[in-house]
Amino acid sequence: MNALPLAQSQCSDDASQWCRTVLDWTGNAWLANYSKLLIITPLKILLITVLAFLLRYVLHRVITRLSRTNGTAPKLLQPLRERHGDSVSGETLAEQRSQRARTLGSVLKSVVSFVIFGFAAIYVLQEFGVDLAPLIASAGVVGVALGFGAQNLVRDFLSGMFMMVEDQYGVGDWVDLGEATGTVETVGLRVTTLRDVNGTVWYVRNGEILRVGNSSQGYAVAVVDLPIAHSSDIRRAQEVAESVAAAAAQREPLAGDVLTPPEMLGINQITSDTITLRLTAKVRPGQQWAVQRLLHAEIKRAYDEAGIKPPYPAGRLMPDSDEQQ
């Protein structure tokens, strides 16, 4: 009988109305005195958790929608610079955009989850009356220690993030990363995967990439070097090569790959037994090697018909000199 007045006197000093409300509902003095710990705190924690998961769900849905590709560039990539021009095929460009948007979307989702759940954990600890100052200081020390121990991993992720944002290369690009050269197969935040001309797959850590040579952005240049003998008519050789290359560039299979008419640059190198002419043509990315091979074959055939002689190594005689002897 004395428990009720005691509870009422304690509830009268409580700033919250929950104590008196629970006492009126249940008539239980102990439950009324601990109503904040047993009812209010769990309800607040539940509310914080539900709001955190709901906010995370909504933001993840927004990021997924922004990174979705429907035949056009994802909205997530529209504020970012895109280095690929119209010369890239539609299928390759769509694949590059899709993977880039997917990777950036994954990073944004991870950041959103970390921030939301981090703040939710702080609010929950505050409800339990935990002093966060020592905890934050300890977390800072642990973070510094982990940063020193995993600095290579952090560097890989940061480098990969900047590569994605700056669009330095994408899937299908032919790139030179220093130690490895080949076609990009996957682009991740930590590792870039290449396949070289021999079929070998290279896994390159993004933090180890100091320079990137991309042969697939906008256009490429097919360089055709033509060695001829010193006795050949240089002007005639240049005219034949330029006319044959121009005609070949207008026919299939080169018509769709050559973007501008081939240009004869002239003499590129002179050695004791060789004069090398150089001809170039602007072509679609990744097609420079196929164009070079076809132009070499066409020009070689034309040189044989025009009597333009190839060079011979030092010490060997030309066929005409051999016949004279």
Protein backbone atom coordinates (compact mmCIF):
# COMPACT_ATOMS: atom_id res chain seq x y z
CA MET A 1 0.00 0.00 0.00
CA ASN A 2 2.96 2.31 0.58
CA ALA A 3 4.50 1.65 -2.84
CA LEU A 4 1.98 3.80 -4.67
CA PRO A 5 2.61 7.05 -2.76
CA LEU A 6 6.36 6.50 -3.05
CA ALA A 7 6.08 6.07 -6.79
CA GLN A 8 3.89 9.10 -7.04
CA SER A 9 6.41 11.22 -5.16
CA GLN A 10 9.23 10.06 -7.42
CA CYS A 11 7.13 10.62 -10.52
CA SER A 12 6.33 14.14 -9.43
CA ASP A 13 10.04 14.99 -9.60
CA ASP A 14 10.44 13.37 -13.03
CA ALA A 15 10.50 15.85 -15.91
CA SER A 16 8.90 13.28 -18.18
CA GLN A 17 5.24 12.48 -18.15
CA TRP A 18 5.90 8.80 -18.86
CA CYS A 19 6.35 7.87 -15.20
CA ARG A 20 2.97 9.22 -14.16
CA THR A 21 1.31 7.87 -17.30
CA VAL A 22 2.63 4.33 -16.73
CA LEU A 23 1.72 4.55 -13.05
CA ASP A 24 -1.82 5.57 -13.93
CA TRP A 25 -2.12 2.76 -16.50
CA THR A 26 -0.56 -0.09 -14.54
CA GLY A 27 -0.52 0.96 -10.90
CA ASN A 28 2.96 -0.64 -10.74
CA ALA A 29 5.43 1.63 -8.94
CA TRP A 30 8.56 -0.26 -10.07
CA LEU A 31 7.48 -0.25 -13.72
CA ALA A 32 6.63 3.45 -13.46
CA ASN A 33 10.02 4.34 -11.98
CA TYR A 34 11.91 2.46 -14.73
CA SER A 35 9.54 3.40 -17.53
CA LYS A 36 12.20 5.43 -19.34
CA LEU A 37 14.68 2.55 -19.42
CA LEU A 38 12.13 -0.14 -20.22
CA ILE A 39 9.80 1.71 -22.59
CA ILE A 40 11.03 5.08 -23.78
CA THR A 41 14.65 4.10 -24.58
CA PRO A 42 13.70 0.90 -26.51
CA LEU A 43 11.07 2.83 -28.45
CA LYS A 44 13.58 5.54 -29.38
CA ILE A 45 16.14 2.93 -30.42
CA LEU A 46 13.53 1.16 -32.51
CA LEU A 47 12.50 4.45 -34.11
CA ILE A 48 16.14 5.37 -34.88
CA THR A 49 16.76 1.92 -36.42
CA VAL A 50 13.60 1.99 -38.53
CA LEU A 51 14.34 5.52 -39.79
CA ALA A 52 17.94 4.56 -40.62
CA PHE A 53 16.89 1.51 -42.65
CA LEU A 54 14.08 3.45 -44.34
CA LEU A 55 16.40 6.32 -45.30
CA ARG A 56 19.02 3.86 -46.54
CA TYR A 57 16.41 2.03 -48.64
CA VAL A 58 15.14 5.25 -50.22
CA LEU A 59 18.63 6.57 -51.04
CA HIS A 60 19.71 3.20 -52.47
CA ARG A 61 16.66 3.17 -54.72
CA VAL A 62 17.48 6.69 -55.91
CA ILE A 63 21.10 5.72 -56.66
CA THR A 64 19.97 2.58 -58.49
CA ARG A 65 17.61 4.62 -60.63
CA LEU A 66 20.28 7.22 -61.39
CA SER A 67 22.78 4.52 -62.43
CA ARG A 68 20.33 2.63 -64.63
CA THR A 69 20.99 2.62 -68.38
CA ASN A 70 18.08 2.68 -70.80
CA GLY A 71 19.89 3.17 -74.09
CA THR A 72 21.26 6.55 -72.99
CA ALA A 73 23.90 7.73 -70.57
CA PRO A 74 22.89 7.12 -66.92
CA LYS A 75 21.83 10.24 -65.04
CA LEU A 76 24.59 9.51 -62.54
CA LEU A 77 27.21 10.11 -65.24
CA GLN A 78 25.67 13.19 -66.85
CA PRO A 79 27.44 15.69 -64.53
CA LEU A 80 30.77 13.91 -65.17
CA ARG A 81 33.03 14.33 -68.14
CA GLU A 82 32.96 11.62 -70.78
CA ARG A 83 36.06 11.31 -72.94
CA HIS A 84 34.74 8.91 -75.57
CA GLY A 85 33.62 10.42 -78.84
CA ASP A 86 31.29 9.29 -81.58
CA SER A 87 33.94 6.96 -83.03
CA VAL A 88 33.33 4.40 -80.28
CA SER A 89 30.79 1.77 -81.24
CA GLY A 90 27.40 1.95 -79.56
CA GLU A 91 27.68 -1.47 -77.95
CA THR A 92 31.12 -0.76 -76.47
CA LEU A 93 30.08 2.68 -75.26
CA ALA A 94 26.96 1.26 -73.61
CA GLU A 95 29.02 -1.39 -71.83
CA GLN A 96 31.54 1.19 -70.63
CA ARG A 97 28.80 3.49 -69.34
CA SER A 98 27.01 0.62 -67.64
CA GLN A 99 30.07 -0.61 -65.76
CA ARG A 100 31.18 2.89 -64.84
CA ALA A 101 27.73 3.79 -63.51
CA ARG A 102 27.46 0.44 -61.71
CA THR A 103 30.81 0.92 -59.96
CA LEU A 104 30.15 4.52 -58.95
CA GLY A 105 26.67 3.54 -57.78
CA SER A 106 28.15 0.78 -55.61
CA VAL A 107 30.57 3.26 -54.04
CA LEU A 108 27.80 5.77 -53.35
CA LYS A 109 25.65 3.06 -51.77
CA SER A 110 28.50 2.03 -49.50
CA VAL A 111 29.13 5.64 -48.46
CA VAL A 112 25.42 6.22 -47.80
CA SER A 113 25.15 3.06 -45.70
CA PHE A 114 28.27 3.94 -43.70
CA VAL A 115 27.11 7.49 -42.95
CA ILE A 116 23.52 6.56 -42.05
CA PHE A 117 24.39 3.60 -39.83
CA GLY A 118 27.24 5.56 -38.26
CA PHE A 119 24.93 8.37 -37.16
CA ALA A 120 22.30 5.84 -36.06
CA ALA A 121 24.86 4.08 -33.86
CA ILE A 122 25.87 7.41 -32.30
CA TYR A 123 22.25 8.27 -31.46
CA VAL A 124 21.65 4.79 -30.00
CA LEU A 125 24.71 5.05 -27.77
CA GLN A 126 23.54 8.46 -26.60
CA GLU A 127 20.24 6.90 -25.52
CA PHE A 128 22.19 4.51 -23.29
CA GLY A 129 24.08 7.44 -21.77
CA VAL A 130 27.43 6.43 -23.21
CA ASP A 131 30.09 9.14 -23.20
CA LEU A 132 31.16 9.33 -26.85
CA ALA A 133 34.26 11.50 -26.40
CA PRO A 134 36.62 8.68 -25.27
CA LEU A 135 35.06 6.34 -27.86
CA ILE A 136 35.64 8.80 -30.70
CA ALA A 137 39.22 9.39 -29.55
CA SER A 138 39.89 5.64 -29.47
CA ALA A 139 38.31 5.22 -32.88
CA GLY A 140 40.58 7.96 -34.22
CA VAL A 141 43.69 6.19 -32.91
CA VAL A 142 42.53 2.85 -34.37
CA GLY A 143 41.73 4.56 -37.67
CA VAL A 144 45.21 6.03 -37.90
CA ALA A 145 46.77 2.65 -37.15
CA LEU A 146 44.64 0.93 -39.77
CA GLY A 147 45.43 3.72 -42.22
CA PHE A 148 49.15 3.10 -41.88
CA GLY A 149 48.71 -0.64 -42.13
CA ALA A 150 46.37 -0.58 -45.13
CA GLN A 151 47.68 2.47 -46.93
CA ASN A 152 48.23 0.50 -50.16
CA LEU A 153 44.62 -0.67 -50.10
CA VAL A 154 43.40 2.88 -49.46
CA ARG A 155 45.57 4.19 -52.29
CA ASP A 156 44.17 1.55 -54.66
CA PHE A 157 40.61 2.55 -53.84
CA LEU A 158 41.25 6.28 -54.10
CA SER A 159 43.08 5.86 -57.43
CA GLY A 160 40.26 3.69 -58.75
CA MET A 161 37.68 6.25 -57.68
CA PHE A 162 39.45 9.09 -59.48
CA MET A 163 39.90 6.93 -62.59
CA MET A 164 36.16 6.28 -62.63
CA VAL A 165 35.22 9.92 -62.11
CA GLU A 166 37.70 11.19 -64.71
CA ASP A 167 36.83 8.40 -67.20
CA GLN A 168 40.48 7.69 -67.99
CA TYR A 169 39.61 4.37 -69.63
CA GLY A 170 36.76 1.88 -69.88
CA VAL A 171 35.88 -1.64 -70.92
CA GLY A 172 37.11 -2.41 -74.43
CA ASP A 173 39.81 0.29 -74.50
CA TRP A 174 43.35 -0.59 -75.56
CA VAL A 175 45.59 0.90 -72.88
CA ASP A 176 49.24 0.96 -71.87
CA LEU A 177 49.59 0.92 -68.08
CA GLY A 178 53.37 0.66 -68.03
CA GLU A 179 53.98 -2.95 -67.02
CA ALA A 180 50.93 -4.28 -68.87
CA THR A 181 49.38 -3.43 -72.23
CA GLY A 182 46.15 -4.79 -73.60
CA THR A 183 42.38 -4.54 -73.84
CA VAL A 184 40.51 -3.54 -70.68
CA GLU A 185 38.11 -6.28 -69.58
CA THR A 186 36.97 -5.00 -66.19
CA VAL A 187 37.47 -1.77 -64.26
CA GLY A 188 37.15 -1.96 -60.49
CA LEU A 189 37.90 0.32 -57.61
CA ARG A 190 40.95 -1.74 -56.58
CA VAL A 191 42.04 -3.72 -59.65
CA THR A 192 41.91 -3.20 -63.43
CA THR A 193 41.94 -6.35 -65.60
CA LEU A 194 43.69 -6.37 -68.99
CA ARG A 195 44.09 -9.03 -71.68
CA ASP A 196 47.13 -8.65 -73.93
CA VAL A 197 47.62 -9.80 -77.54
CA ASN A 198 48.84 -13.21 -76.35
CA GLY A 199 45.67 -13.81 -74.35
CA THR A 200 47.33 -13.32 -70.96
CA VAL A 201 45.11 -11.69 -68.34
CA TRP A 202 46.83 -9.00 -66.24
CA TYR A 203 45.48 -7.80 -62.89
CA VAL A 204 46.84 -4.33 -62.24
CA ARG A 205 46.34 -2.60 -58.88
CA ASN A 206 45.02 0.92 -59.44
CA GLY A 207 47.43 2.36 -56.89
CA GLU A 208 50.39 1.11 -58.93
CA ILE A 209 49.27 2.85 -62.14
CA LEU A 210 51.47 5.92 -62.60
CA ARG A 211 50.51 6.69 -66.21
CA VAL A 212 47.83 5.60 -68.66
CA GLY A 213 48.20 5.53 -72.42
CA ASN A 214 44.76 5.09 -73.98
CA SER A 215 44.66 4.24 -77.70
CA SER A 216 40.86 4.14 -77.84
CA GLN A 217 39.67 7.62 -76.95
CA GLY A 218 38.26 9.60 -79.84
CA TYR A 219 40.44 8.19 -82.61
CA ALA A 220 43.67 6.32 -83.29
CA VAL A 221 46.42 6.79 -85.87
CA ALA A 222 47.58 4.04 -88.21
CA VAL A 223 51.31 4.51 -88.87
CA VAL A 224 52.66 2.80 -92.00
CA ASP A 225 56.44 2.77 -92.38
CA LEU A 226 57.66 1.89 -95.90
CA PRO A 227 61.36 0.95 -96.30
CA ILE A 228 62.77 1.37 -99.81
CA ALA A 229 66.21 1.10 -101.38
CA HIS A 230 68.51 4.11 -101.88
CA SER A 231 68.32 3.58 -105.63
CA SER A 232 64.52 4.00 -105.70
CA ASP A 233 62.79 7.16 -106.91
CA ILE A 234 61.67 8.70 -103.62
CA ARG A 235 59.12 11.07 -105.14
CA ARG A 236 57.60 8.27 -107.20
CA ALA A 237 57.47 6.00 -104.14
CA GLN A 238 55.65 8.68 -102.15
CA GLU A 239 53.10 9.31 -104.92
CA VAL A 240 52.38 5.60 -105.39
CA ALA A 241 51.97 4.95 -101.66
CA GLU A 242 49.69 7.95 -101.12
CA SER A 243 47.44 7.22 -104.11
CA VAL A 244 47.15 3.50 -103.27
CA ALA A 245 46.38 4.24 -99.60
CA ALA A 246 43.76 6.86 -100.56
CA ALA A 247 42.05 4.43 -102.93
CA ALA A 248 42.13 1.60 -100.37
CA ALA A 249 40.66 3.86 -97.68
CA GLN A 250 37.57 4.43 -99.84
CA ARG A 251 36.92 0.71 -100.34
CA GLU A 252 35.78 -1.98 -97.97
CA PRO A 253 36.93 -3.19 -95.53
CA LEU A 254 38.75 0.07 -94.74
CA ALA A 255 36.00 2.54 -95.67
CA GLY A 256 34.27 2.25 -92.30
CA ASP A 257 37.45 2.44 -90.24
CA VAL A 258 39.47 5.25 -91.88
CA LEU A 259 38.22 8.65 -90.70
CA THR A 260 40.41 10.97 -92.79
CA PRO A 261 42.36 10.47 -96.06
CA PRO A 262 45.85 8.99 -95.51
CA GLU A 263 48.66 11.53 -95.40
CA MET A 264 52.20 10.96 -96.70
CA LEU A 265 54.61 12.57 -94.22
CA GLY A 266 57.72 11.88 -96.31
CA ILE A 267 61.10 10.48 -95.30
CA ASN A 268 61.11 9.37 -91.69
CA GLN A 269 64.53 7.69 -91.43
CA ILE A 270 67.68 7.16 -93.48
CA THR A 271 70.17 4.41 -92.71
CA SER A 272 73.14 2.96 -94.59
CA ASP A 273 70.92 0.63 -96.61
CA THR A 274 67.34 1.90 -96.13
CA ILE A 275 65.18 4.94 -96.69
CA THR A 276 61.95 4.75 -94.67
CA LEU A 277 58.85 6.66 -95.75
CA ARG A 278 56.01 7.24 -93.30
CA LEU A 279 52.31 7.44 -94.07
CA THR A 280 49.61 8.00 -91.46
CA ALA A 281 45.82 7.81 -91.34
CA LYS A 282 43.33 8.74 -88.64
CA VAL A 283 41.17 5.67 -87.91
CA ARG A 284 38.56 4.40 -85.49
CA PRO A 285 39.89 3.43 -82.04
CA GLY A 286 41.33 -0.06 -81.92
CA GLN A 287 41.44 -0.45 -85.71
CA GLN A 288 44.90 1.02 -86.31
CA TRP A 289 46.65 -2.35 -86.46
CA ALA A 290 44.20 -3.89 -88.95
CA VAL A 291 44.44 -0.76 -91.14
CA GLN A 292 48.23 -0.83 -91.01
CA ARG A 293 48.35 -4.47 -92.13
CA LEU A 294 45.99 -3.91 -95.06
CA LEU A 295 47.76 -0.75 -96.21
CA HIS A 296 51.12 -2.49 -96.04
CA ALA A 297 49.81 -5.28 -98.25
CA GLU A 298 48.25 -2.88 -100.79
CA ILE A 299 51.33 -0.63 -101.02
CA LYS A 300 53.72 -3.60 -101.27
CA ARG A 301 51.74 -4.91 -104.25
CA ALA A 302 51.80 -1.46 -105.89
CA TYR A 303 55.54 -1.07 -105.30
CA ASP A 304 56.22 -4.41 -107.00
CA GLU A 305 54.17 -3.34 -110.03
CA ALA A 306 55.88 0.08 -110.17
CA GLY A 307 59.38 -1.42 -109.84
CA ILE A 308 60.18 0.34 -106.58
CA LYS A 309 62.83 -1.83 -105.01
CA PRO A 310 62.93 -2.84 -101.34
CA PRO A 311 66.09 -2.34 -99.30
CA TYR A 312 68.66 -5.08 -98.80
CA PRO A 313 70.87 -5.65 -95.78
CA ALA A 314 74.43 -4.32 -95.96
CA GLY A 315 76.83 -6.74 -97.63
CA ARG A 316 74.24 -8.27 -99.98
CA LEU A 317 74.06 -7.42 -103.65
CA MET A 318 71.01 -6.24 -105.52
CA PRO A 319 69.61 -8.74 -108.03
CA ASP A 320 70.56 -6.48 -110.97
CA SER A 321 74.22 -6.33 -109.82
CA ASP A 322 74.27 -10.11 -109.42
CA GLU A 323 73.04 -10.59 -112.96
CA GLN A 324 75.67 -8.18 -114.34
CA GLN A 325 78.41 -10.24 -112.77
